[in-house]
Amino acid sequence: MQKLTWKNAVSTSGIRIKLIAGLALLAALFLIFPVFFQYIQQRQGPVLNDFVLNNIPAVNLSIPLFMCIWIPGLLMAYRAVKSPSIFITFLWSFLFLSGFRLSTITLCNFNPPRGLVALTDPLLSRFYGNSTVTKDLMFSGHTATIFLIYLCLEKQSDRLVALTASILVGIFVLIQHIHYTVDVVFAIPFALLAWFLGIKAAGLKKRTVLKT
């Protein structure tokens, strides 16, 4: 199968439509996110009794967390610029993942874990309305997104970096008490489902799952 290039992608009407539609939906998400996250921050809900968190002292791991988030993120951006298949697949997968997360957060109204050490990202905070949000719990967006990057990348070395980062992010958000254990656990199946749907929506050939 011939490798898809950007020249072929933009000149093919079906792929061009998927690109435009996906980017339009992404722009709409960027408008919705700040309003949504400010809304959920005003809600009150129960604090879950989490056995794992109860036995882990909260530690501020913001710096290694940022590294584990942004290294695979920048790697994905670099590969996506060079490969329209990676870009389109990740774009639509991320749209589905975001839709899942908006739904689950709406349905699962929990207060954050006790001892939470807030994580404030100067770049991602724009999605949260430039304020700290602590109630975007079910499921872990950081863990799911980095795992989604792992699924969408193609080179084995790239995937190993992203897989390692996703595991570390899942561990670090628990140590920092940003998420409950269930939030991290459910991030993986939601990312997998979003990836399968993203491949279908992008209309590109599916490759082997989890080869690393």
Protein backbone atom coordinates (compact mmCIF):
# COMPACT_ATOMS: atom_id res chain seq x y z
CA MET A 1 0.00 0.00 0.00
CA GLN A 2 1.46 3.34 -1.14
CA LYS A 3 2.29 5.74 1.68
CA LEU A 4 -0.16 8.63 1.93
CA THR A 5 1.46 12.03 1.40
CA TRP A 6 0.07 15.46 2.22
CA LYS A 7 -0.12 16.25 -1.50
CA ASN A 8 -2.30 13.19 -2.08
CA ALA A 9 -4.29 13.83 1.07
CA VAL A 10 -5.35 17.38 0.21
CA SER A 11 -6.03 16.46 -3.41
CA THR A 12 -8.31 13.54 -2.51
CA SER A 13 -11.83 14.85 -1.86
CA GLY A 14 -12.77 12.20 0.72
CA ILE A 15 -9.65 12.73 2.82
CA ARG A 16 -9.87 16.50 2.42
CA ILE A 17 -13.42 16.48 3.75
CA LYS A 18 -12.36 14.39 6.76
CA LEU A 19 -9.54 16.84 7.46
CA ILE A 20 -11.76 19.91 7.25
CA ALA A 21 -14.58 18.33 9.27
CA GLY A 22 -12.17 17.06 11.92
CA LEU A 23 -10.43 20.43 12.29
CA ALA A 24 -13.79 22.21 12.50
CA LEU A 25 -14.93 19.89 15.29
CA LEU A 26 -11.60 20.37 17.07
CA ALA A 27 -12.06 24.14 16.94
CA ALA A 28 -15.55 23.72 18.40
CA LEU A 29 -14.08 21.60 21.23
CA PHE A 30 -11.59 24.34 22.04
CA LEU A 31 -14.54 26.70 22.50
CA ILE A 32 -16.54 24.21 24.58
CA PHE A 33 -13.77 23.03 26.91
CA PRO A 34 -13.26 26.22 28.98
CA VAL A 35 -17.01 26.66 29.56
CA PHE A 36 -17.51 22.98 30.38
CA PHE A 37 -14.61 22.73 32.82
CA GLN A 38 -15.64 25.89 34.62
CA TYR A 39 -19.15 24.43 34.95
CA ILE A 40 -18.05 21.11 36.44
CA GLN A 41 -15.76 22.87 38.87
CA GLN A 42 -18.83 24.44 40.51
CA ARG A 43 -20.48 21.07 41.19
CA GLN A 44 -20.30 19.15 44.45
CA GLY A 45 -20.08 15.38 44.74
CA PRO A 46 -18.79 12.59 46.96
CA VAL A 47 -15.14 11.83 47.71
CA LEU A 48 -14.40 8.21 46.81
CA ASN A 49 -12.73 5.86 49.26
CA ASP A 50 -9.73 4.81 47.17
CA PHE A 51 -7.63 2.03 48.72
CA VAL A 52 -4.57 2.84 46.58
CA LEU A 53 -4.60 6.57 47.30
CA ASN A 54 -5.24 5.92 50.99
CA ASN A 55 -1.88 4.15 51.14
CA ILE A 56 0.15 6.61 49.03
CA PRO A 57 1.32 9.96 50.43
CA ALA A 58 0.63 12.82 48.01
CA VAL A 59 3.80 14.12 46.33
CA ASN A 60 4.21 16.98 43.86
CA LEU A 61 5.49 15.44 40.62
CA SER A 62 4.53 18.30 38.32
CA ILE A 63 7.90 18.53 36.55
CA PRO A 64 8.22 14.82 35.61
CA LEU A 65 4.53 14.83 34.73
CA PHE A 66 5.04 17.73 32.33
CA MET A 67 7.97 15.90 30.77
CA CYS A 68 5.96 12.70 30.31
CA ILE A 69 3.10 14.68 28.76
CA TRP A 70 4.98 17.00 26.46
CA ILE A 71 7.74 14.71 25.15
CA PRO A 72 5.29 12.28 23.47
CA GLY A 73 3.05 15.23 22.59
CA LEU A 74 5.84 16.96 20.69
CA LEU A 75 6.87 13.65 19.13
CA MET A 76 3.30 13.14 17.91
CA ALA A 77 3.23 16.68 16.47
CA TYR A 78 6.49 16.04 14.62
CA ARG A 79 5.32 12.73 13.16
CA ALA A 80 1.87 14.11 12.30
CA VAL A 81 3.39 16.96 10.29
CA LYS A 82 5.23 14.39 8.19
CA SER A 83 2.43 11.82 7.98
CA PRO A 84 -1.18 12.74 7.13
CA SER A 85 -2.33 9.22 8.07
CA ILE A 86 -1.02 9.69 11.61
CA PHE A 87 -2.48 13.19 11.79
CA ILE A 88 -5.96 12.23 10.58
CA THR A 89 -6.12 9.12 12.74
CA PHE A 90 -5.06 10.98 15.86
CA LEU A 91 -7.35 13.91 15.08
CA TRP A 92 -10.48 11.79 14.86
CA SER A 93 -9.44 9.51 17.71
CA PHE A 94 -8.90 12.56 19.93
CA LEU A 95 -12.33 13.90 18.97
CA PHE A 96 -13.97 10.63 20.04
CA LEU A 97 -11.86 10.52 23.22
CA SER A 98 -12.91 14.08 24.08
CA GLY A 99 -16.55 13.21 23.49
CA PHE A 100 -16.25 10.21 25.81
CA ARG A 101 -14.59 12.33 28.46
CA LEU A 102 -17.18 15.11 28.33
CA SER A 103 -19.87 12.45 28.76
CA THR A 104 -18.23 10.52 31.60
CA ILE A 105 -17.32 13.66 33.54
CA THR A 106 -20.89 14.89 33.20
CA LEU A 107 -22.29 11.59 34.47
CA CYS A 108 -19.73 11.01 37.23
CA ASN A 109 -19.91 13.96 39.60
CA PHE A 110 -17.10 13.40 42.12
CA ASN A 111 -15.08 15.69 44.29
CA PRO A 112 -11.28 15.31 43.91
CA PRO A 113 -9.25 12.94 46.09
CA ARG A 114 -8.09 14.04 49.51
CA GLY A 115 -4.58 15.48 49.55
CA LEU A 116 -4.68 16.47 45.87
CA VAL A 117 -1.65 18.45 44.72
CA ALA A 118 -2.98 20.56 41.85
CA LEU A 119 -1.26 20.33 38.46
CA THR A 120 -1.28 23.58 36.51
CA ASP A 121 0.03 23.47 32.96
CA PRO A 122 0.63 26.99 31.55
CA LEU A 123 -0.36 25.80 28.06
CA LEU A 124 -3.16 23.31 28.73
CA SER A 125 -4.71 25.68 31.28
CA ARG A 126 -6.24 27.56 28.33
CA PHE A 127 -8.58 24.60 27.85
CA TYR A 128 -9.69 25.01 31.45
CA GLY A 129 -10.49 28.71 31.19
CA ASN A 130 -7.05 29.74 32.56
CA SER A 131 -7.79 28.34 36.01
CA THR A 132 -7.05 25.17 37.95
CA VAL A 133 -9.66 22.46 37.46
CA THR A 134 -9.70 19.49 39.84
CA LYS A 135 -13.05 17.80 39.11
CA ASP A 136 -12.35 16.50 35.60
CA LEU A 137 -11.95 13.05 37.07
CA MET A 138 -13.61 10.21 35.18
CA PHE A 139 -11.47 9.38 33.30
CA SER A 140 -7.84 10.58 33.31
CA GLY A 141 -7.42 12.72 30.21
CA HIS A 142 -3.64 12.88 30.52
CA THR A 143 -3.27 9.10 30.73
CA ALA A 144 -5.76 8.44 27.93
CA THR A 145 -4.27 11.01 25.56
CA ILE A 146 -0.69 9.79 25.95
CA PHE A 147 -1.86 6.19 25.50
CA LEU A 148 -3.76 7.32 22.39
CA ILE A 149 -0.53 8.83 21.06
CA TYR A 150 1.11 5.45 21.62
CA LEU A 151 -1.62 3.76 19.58
CA CYS A 152 -1.41 6.25 16.70
CA LEU A 153 2.36 6.36 16.29
CA GLU A 154 3.91 3.91 13.83
CA LYS A 155 7.64 3.58 14.55
CA GLN A 156 8.42 1.06 17.27
CA SER A 157 10.88 3.38 19.01
CA ASP A 158 8.26 6.18 19.05
CA ARG A 159 5.63 3.86 20.42
CA LEU A 160 7.94 2.66 23.17
CA VAL A 161 8.52 6.26 24.27
CA ALA A 162 4.78 6.99 24.30
CA LEU A 163 3.87 3.73 26.04
CA THR A 164 6.46 4.33 28.76
CA ALA A 165 5.22 7.90 29.18
CA SER A 166 1.58 6.79 29.44
CA ILE A 167 2.44 4.28 32.18
CA LEU A 168 4.43 6.89 34.09
CA VAL A 169 1.67 9.50 33.72
CA GLY A 170 -0.86 7.03 35.14
CA ILE A 171 1.41 6.37 38.12
CA PHE A 172 2.31 10.01 38.67
CA VAL A 173 -1.28 11.33 38.68
CA LEU A 174 -2.06 8.76 41.37
CA ILE A 175 0.95 9.70 43.47
CA GLN A 176 -0.01 13.36 43.15
CA HIS A 177 -3.62 12.42 44.01
CA ILE A 178 -4.93 14.20 40.91
CA HIS A 179 -7.08 11.20 39.96
CA TYR A 180 -8.69 8.19 41.56
CA THR A 181 -7.40 4.74 40.60
CA VAL A 182 -10.57 4.03 38.64
CA ASP A 183 -9.95 7.15 36.53
CA VAL A 184 -6.58 5.82 35.41
CA VAL A 185 -7.82 2.27 34.85
CA PHE A 186 -10.72 3.37 32.63
CA ALA A 187 -8.49 5.70 30.61
CA ILE A 188 -7.04 2.73 28.72
CA PRO A 189 -10.23 1.09 27.35
CA PHE A 190 -11.67 4.51 26.45
CA ALA A 191 -8.49 5.35 24.54
CA LEU A 192 -8.62 2.01 22.73
CA LEU A 193 -12.28 2.53 21.79
CA ALA A 194 -11.57 6.07 20.61
CA TRP A 195 -8.68 4.77 18.49
CA PHE A 196 -10.80 2.09 16.81
CA LEU A 197 -13.54 4.62 16.06
CA GLY A 198 -10.96 7.17 14.91
CA ILE A 199 -9.49 4.72 12.41
CA LYS A 200 -12.97 3.98 11.09
CA ALA A 201 -13.87 7.67 10.84
CA ALA A 202 -10.56 8.49 9.14
CA GLY A 203 -11.17 5.69 6.64
CA LEU A 204 -7.58 4.49 6.77
CA LYS A 205 -6.28 0.95 6.88
CA LYS A 206 -5.97 -0.42 10.43
CA ARG A 207 -2.60 -1.73 11.45
CA THR A 208 -1.78 -4.35 14.07
CA VAL A 209 -2.78 -3.40 17.61
CA LEU A 210 -0.29 -3.23 20.48
CA LYS A 211 2.74 -4.66 18.70
CA THR A 212 5.23 -3.13 21.14
